[in-house]
Amino acid sequence: MSPRPIEDARNIGPICGAELRSIGIHTVEELQALEWEEAYEQWVAAYPDRIHTMAAYALLGAVEDLNCMKLPETAKRRAKKWVTELKRRRE
């Protein structure tokens, strides 16, 4: 099976896909090979406006191949915690 473009990842559209490509994540498989926290940290370093819970949900859902609105509560808590940590680091 050939690699899928990052825009084919669940929850990732053309704008987010272009942003992820700009930081070196070109395929769904590259994204899934990273820890989602690492990918998210790289994303918000380049695009600080992405430091919010819904962006974290979208990326985590893309990695897990889940609709971001149907993430398990444990995953949502992890995402919220990571967003809080990144915001704290930027203060």
N, C-alpha and C. Protein backbone atom coordinates (compact mmCIF):
# COMPACT_ATOMS: atom_id res chain seq x y z
N MET A 1 0.84 -1.18 0.00
CA MET A 1 0.00 0.00 0.00
C MET A 1 0.89 1.25 0.00
N SER A 2 0.58 2.19 -0.84
CA SER A 2 1.40 3.40 -0.93
C SER A 2 1.03 4.37 0.20
N PRO A 3 1.98 5.22 0.59
CA PRO A 3 1.71 6.19 1.65
C PRO A 3 0.54 7.10 1.28
N ARG A 4 -0.24 7.45 2.28
CA ARG A 4 -1.39 8.34 2.07
C ARG A 4 -0.99 9.78 2.40
N PRO A 5 -1.39 10.73 1.57
CA PRO A 5 -1.08 12.14 1.86
C PRO A 5 -1.67 12.53 3.22
N ILE A 6 -1.00 13.43 3.90
CA ILE A 6 -1.44 13.84 5.23
C ILE A 6 -2.87 14.35 5.23
N GLU A 7 -3.31 14.94 4.13
CA GLU A 7 -4.69 15.44 4.06
C GLU A 7 -5.72 14.31 4.10
N ASP A 8 -5.28 13.07 3.88
CA ASP A 8 -6.19 11.93 3.96
C ASP A 8 -6.39 11.45 5.39
N ALA A 9 -5.62 12.01 6.32
CA ALA A 9 -5.78 11.62 7.73
C ALA A 9 -7.13 12.11 8.23
N ARG A 10 -7.73 11.34 9.08
CA ARG A 10 -9.01 11.73 9.67
C ARG A 10 -8.82 13.06 10.41
N ASN A 11 -9.76 13.95 10.28
CA ASN A 11 -9.81 15.25 10.96
C ASN A 11 -8.86 16.30 10.38
N ILE A 12 -8.07 15.95 9.37
CA ILE A 12 -7.09 16.89 8.81
C ILE A 12 -7.54 17.32 7.42
N GLY A 13 -7.77 18.60 7.27
CA GLY A 13 -8.17 19.12 5.98
C GLY A 13 -7.00 19.76 5.26
N PRO A 14 -7.28 20.47 4.19
CA PRO A 14 -6.20 21.04 3.38
C PRO A 14 -5.35 22.08 4.12
N ILE A 15 -5.94 22.91 4.95
CA ILE A 15 -5.16 23.93 5.65
C ILE A 15 -4.24 23.29 6.69
N CYS A 16 -4.79 22.43 7.52
CA CYS A 16 -3.96 21.74 8.52
C CYS A 16 -2.94 20.84 7.82
N GLY A 17 -3.35 20.22 6.74
CA GLY A 17 -2.42 19.38 5.98
C GLY A 17 -1.24 20.18 5.47
N ALA A 18 -1.50 21.37 4.95
CA ALA A 18 -0.41 22.23 4.46
C ALA A 18 0.51 22.64 5.60
N GLU A 19 -0.08 22.93 6.74
CA GLU A 19 0.75 23.28 7.91
C GLU A 19 1.61 22.10 8.34
N LEU A 20 1.03 20.92 8.40
CA LEU A 20 1.80 19.74 8.80
C LEU A 20 2.90 19.42 7.78
N ARG A 21 2.60 19.59 6.51
CA ARG A 21 3.63 19.40 5.47
C ARG A 21 4.79 20.37 5.67
N SER A 22 4.47 21.59 6.05
CA SER A 22 5.52 22.60 6.22
C SER A 22 6.48 22.27 7.36
N ILE A 23 6.05 21.41 8.28
CA ILE A 23 6.95 21.00 9.37
C ILE A 23 7.52 19.61 9.13
N GLY A 24 7.29 19.08 7.92
CA GLY A 24 7.94 17.82 7.55
C GLY A 24 7.10 16.57 7.70
N ILE A 25 5.82 16.72 7.97
CA ILE A 25 4.93 15.55 8.08
C ILE A 25 4.09 15.53 6.81
N HIS A 26 4.45 14.64 5.88
CA HIS A 26 3.83 14.62 4.56
C HIS A 26 2.80 13.52 4.37
N THR A 27 2.87 12.48 5.19
CA THR A 27 1.95 11.35 5.00
C THR A 27 1.29 10.96 6.32
N VAL A 28 0.18 10.28 6.20
CA VAL A 28 -0.52 9.76 7.38
C VAL A 28 0.42 8.84 8.15
N GLU A 29 1.17 8.03 7.43
CA GLU A 29 2.07 7.08 8.07
C GLU A 29 3.18 7.78 8.86
N GLU A 30 3.69 8.89 8.34
CA GLU A 30 4.70 9.66 9.08
C GLU A 30 4.10 10.21 10.37
N LEU A 31 2.88 10.69 10.29
CA LEU A 31 2.20 11.20 11.48
C LEU A 31 2.00 10.09 12.50
N GLN A 32 1.54 8.95 12.04
CA GLN A 32 1.26 7.84 12.95
C GLN A 32 2.54 7.26 13.55
N ALA A 33 3.67 7.44 12.88
CA ALA A 33 4.93 6.93 13.40
C ALA A 33 5.46 7.80 14.55
N LEU A 34 5.01 9.04 14.61
CA LEU A 34 5.41 9.94 15.70
C LEU A 34 4.49 9.74 16.90
N GLU A 35 4.98 10.04 18.05
CA GLU A 35 4.09 10.18 19.19
C GLU A 35 3.24 11.42 18.89
N TRP A 36 1.95 11.35 19.14
CA TRP A 36 1.10 12.48 18.77
C TRP A 36 1.51 13.74 19.51
N GLU A 37 2.00 13.61 20.75
CA GLU A 37 2.42 14.78 21.50
C GLU A 37 3.59 15.48 20.81
N GLU A 38 4.52 14.69 20.27
CA GLU A 38 5.67 15.26 19.55
C GLU A 38 5.20 16.00 18.30
N ALA A 39 4.31 15.37 17.55
CA ALA A 39 3.78 16.01 16.34
C ALA A 39 3.04 17.30 16.69
N TYR A 40 2.25 17.26 17.76
CA TYR A 40 1.49 18.43 18.17
C TYR A 40 2.43 19.55 18.63
N GLU A 41 3.47 19.18 19.37
CA GLU A 41 4.42 20.19 19.83
C GLU A 41 5.11 20.87 18.65
N GLN A 42 5.49 20.10 17.64
CA GLN A 42 6.09 20.67 16.43
C GLN A 42 5.10 21.59 15.72
N TRP A 43 3.86 21.16 15.64
CA TRP A 43 2.82 21.93 14.96
C TRP A 43 2.62 23.28 15.63
N VAL A 44 2.45 23.28 16.97
CA VAL A 44 2.19 24.55 17.65
C VAL A 44 3.45 25.43 17.72
N ALA A 45 4.63 24.84 17.63
CA ALA A 45 5.85 25.65 17.58
C ALA A 45 5.85 26.49 16.31
N ALA A 46 5.38 25.90 15.21
CA ALA A 46 5.34 26.62 13.93
C ALA A 46 4.06 27.44 13.77
N TYR A 47 2.98 26.98 14.38
CA TYR A 47 1.67 27.63 14.24
C TYR A 47 1.04 27.79 15.62
N PRO A 48 1.45 28.81 16.37
CA PRO A 48 1.00 28.98 17.75
C PRO A 48 -0.52 29.09 17.91
N ASP A 49 -1.23 29.50 16.86
CA ASP A 49 -2.68 29.59 16.97
C ASP A 49 -3.33 28.20 17.08
N ARG A 50 -2.57 27.14 16.86
CA ARG A 50 -3.10 25.77 16.98
C ARG A 50 -3.02 25.24 18.41
N ILE A 51 -2.59 26.06 19.34
CA ILE A 51 -2.48 25.60 20.71
C ILE A 51 -3.83 25.75 21.42
N HIS A 52 -4.73 24.85 21.03
CA HIS A 52 -6.04 24.78 21.67
C HIS A 52 -6.52 23.33 21.63
N THR A 53 -7.48 23.04 22.46
CA THR A 53 -7.92 21.67 22.67
C THR A 53 -8.43 21.00 21.40
N MET A 54 -9.20 21.71 20.59
CA MET A 54 -9.77 21.07 19.40
C MET A 54 -8.68 20.68 18.40
N ALA A 55 -7.62 21.47 18.28
CA ALA A 55 -6.52 21.10 17.39
C ALA A 55 -5.83 19.83 17.92
N ALA A 56 -5.67 19.76 19.23
CA ALA A 56 -5.07 18.56 19.84
C ALA A 56 -5.97 17.35 19.60
N TYR A 57 -7.28 17.52 19.77
CA TYR A 57 -8.22 16.42 19.49
C TYR A 57 -8.10 15.97 18.04
N ALA A 58 -8.03 16.94 17.12
CA ALA A 58 -7.96 16.60 15.70
C ALA A 58 -6.71 15.78 15.40
N LEU A 59 -5.58 16.21 15.94
CA LEU A 59 -4.33 15.50 15.67
C LEU A 59 -4.32 14.13 16.32
N LEU A 60 -4.77 14.05 17.56
CA LEU A 60 -4.83 12.75 18.24
C LEU A 60 -5.78 11.82 17.49
N GLY A 61 -6.91 12.33 17.06
CA GLY A 61 -7.84 11.52 16.27
C GLY A 61 -7.23 11.06 14.96
N ALA A 62 -6.44 11.92 14.33
CA ALA A 62 -5.77 11.55 13.07
C ALA A 62 -4.79 10.41 13.31
N VAL A 63 -4.04 10.49 14.38
CA VAL A 63 -3.07 9.44 14.70
C VAL A 63 -3.78 8.13 15.00
N GLU A 64 -4.87 8.21 15.75
CA GLU A 64 -5.61 7.01 16.17
C GLU A 64 -6.65 6.57 15.13
N ASP A 65 -6.81 7.35 14.06
CA ASP A 65 -7.81 7.10 13.01
C ASP A 65 -9.23 7.07 13.59
N LEU A 66 -9.50 8.09 14.42
CA LEU A 66 -10.81 8.25 15.04
C LEU A 66 -11.34 9.65 14.76
N ASN A 67 -12.66 9.75 14.66
CA ASN A 67 -13.29 11.05 14.57
C ASN A 67 -12.96 11.80 15.86
N CYS A 68 -12.50 13.02 15.74
CA CYS A 68 -12.06 13.76 16.92
C CYS A 68 -13.19 13.99 17.92
N MET A 69 -14.42 13.95 17.48
CA MET A 69 -15.55 14.13 18.38
C MET A 69 -15.92 12.83 19.10
N LYS A 70 -15.31 11.73 18.71
CA LYS A 70 -15.63 10.44 19.32
C LYS A 70 -14.44 9.84 20.06
N LEU A 71 -13.49 10.68 20.42
CA LEU A 71 -12.34 10.20 21.18
C LEU A 71 -12.81 9.72 22.56
N PRO A 72 -12.20 8.68 23.07
CA PRO A 72 -12.53 8.26 24.44
C PRO A 72 -12.17 9.36 25.44
N GLU A 73 -12.86 9.38 26.55
CA GLU A 73 -12.62 10.41 27.57
C GLU A 73 -11.18 10.42 28.05
N THR A 74 -10.56 9.25 28.15
CA THR A 74 -9.16 9.21 28.59
C THR A 74 -8.26 9.93 27.59
N ALA A 75 -8.53 9.77 26.31
CA ALA A 75 -7.76 10.45 25.27
C ALA A 75 -7.99 11.96 25.34
N LYS A 76 -9.23 12.36 25.56
CA LYS A 76 -9.54 13.79 25.66
C LYS A 76 -8.81 14.41 26.85
N ARG A 77 -8.76 13.70 27.96
CA ARG A 77 -8.05 14.22 29.13
C ARG A 77 -6.56 14.37 28.84
N ARG A 78 -5.96 13.39 28.14
CA ARG A 78 -4.55 13.48 27.76
C ARG A 78 -4.30 14.70 26.89
N ALA A 79 -5.19 14.91 25.92
CA ALA A 79 -5.04 16.05 25.01
C ALA A 79 -5.15 17.37 25.77
N LYS A 80 -6.15 17.49 26.62
CA LYS A 80 -6.31 18.72 27.40
C LYS A 80 -5.09 18.98 28.28
N LYS A 81 -4.58 17.91 28.89
CA LYS A 81 -3.40 18.05 29.74
C LYS A 81 -2.20 18.53 28.94
N TRP A 82 -2.03 18.00 27.73
CA TRP A 82 -0.90 18.39 26.90
C TRP A 82 -1.02 19.85 26.46
N VAL A 83 -2.22 20.28 26.08
CA VAL A 83 -2.44 21.68 25.70
C VAL A 83 -2.11 22.59 26.88
N THR A 84 -2.57 22.23 28.06
CA THR A 84 -2.29 23.02 29.26
C THR A 84 -0.79 23.10 29.50
N GLU A 85 -0.09 21.98 29.36
CA GLU A 85 1.37 21.95 29.55
C GLU A 85 2.08 22.85 28.54
N LEU A 86 1.69 22.77 27.28
CA LEU A 86 2.32 23.62 26.27
C LEU A 86 2.05 25.10 26.52
N LYS A 87 0.84 25.43 26.92
CA LYS A 87 0.52 26.82 27.24
C LYS A 87 1.36 27.30 28.42
N ARG A 88 1.50 26.45 29.43
CA ARG A 88 2.28 26.81 30.61
C ARG A 88 3.74 27.08 30.24
N ARG A 89 4.29 26.26 29.36
CA ARG A 89 5.68 26.43 28.92
C ARG A 89 5.90 27.74 28.19
N ARG A 90 4.86 28.24 27.52
CA ARG A 90 4.98 29.46 26.72
C ARG A 90 4.83 30.73 27.56
N GLU A 91 4.40 30.59 28.79
CA GLU A 91 4.18 31.77 29.63
C GLU A 91 5.47 32.31 30.18
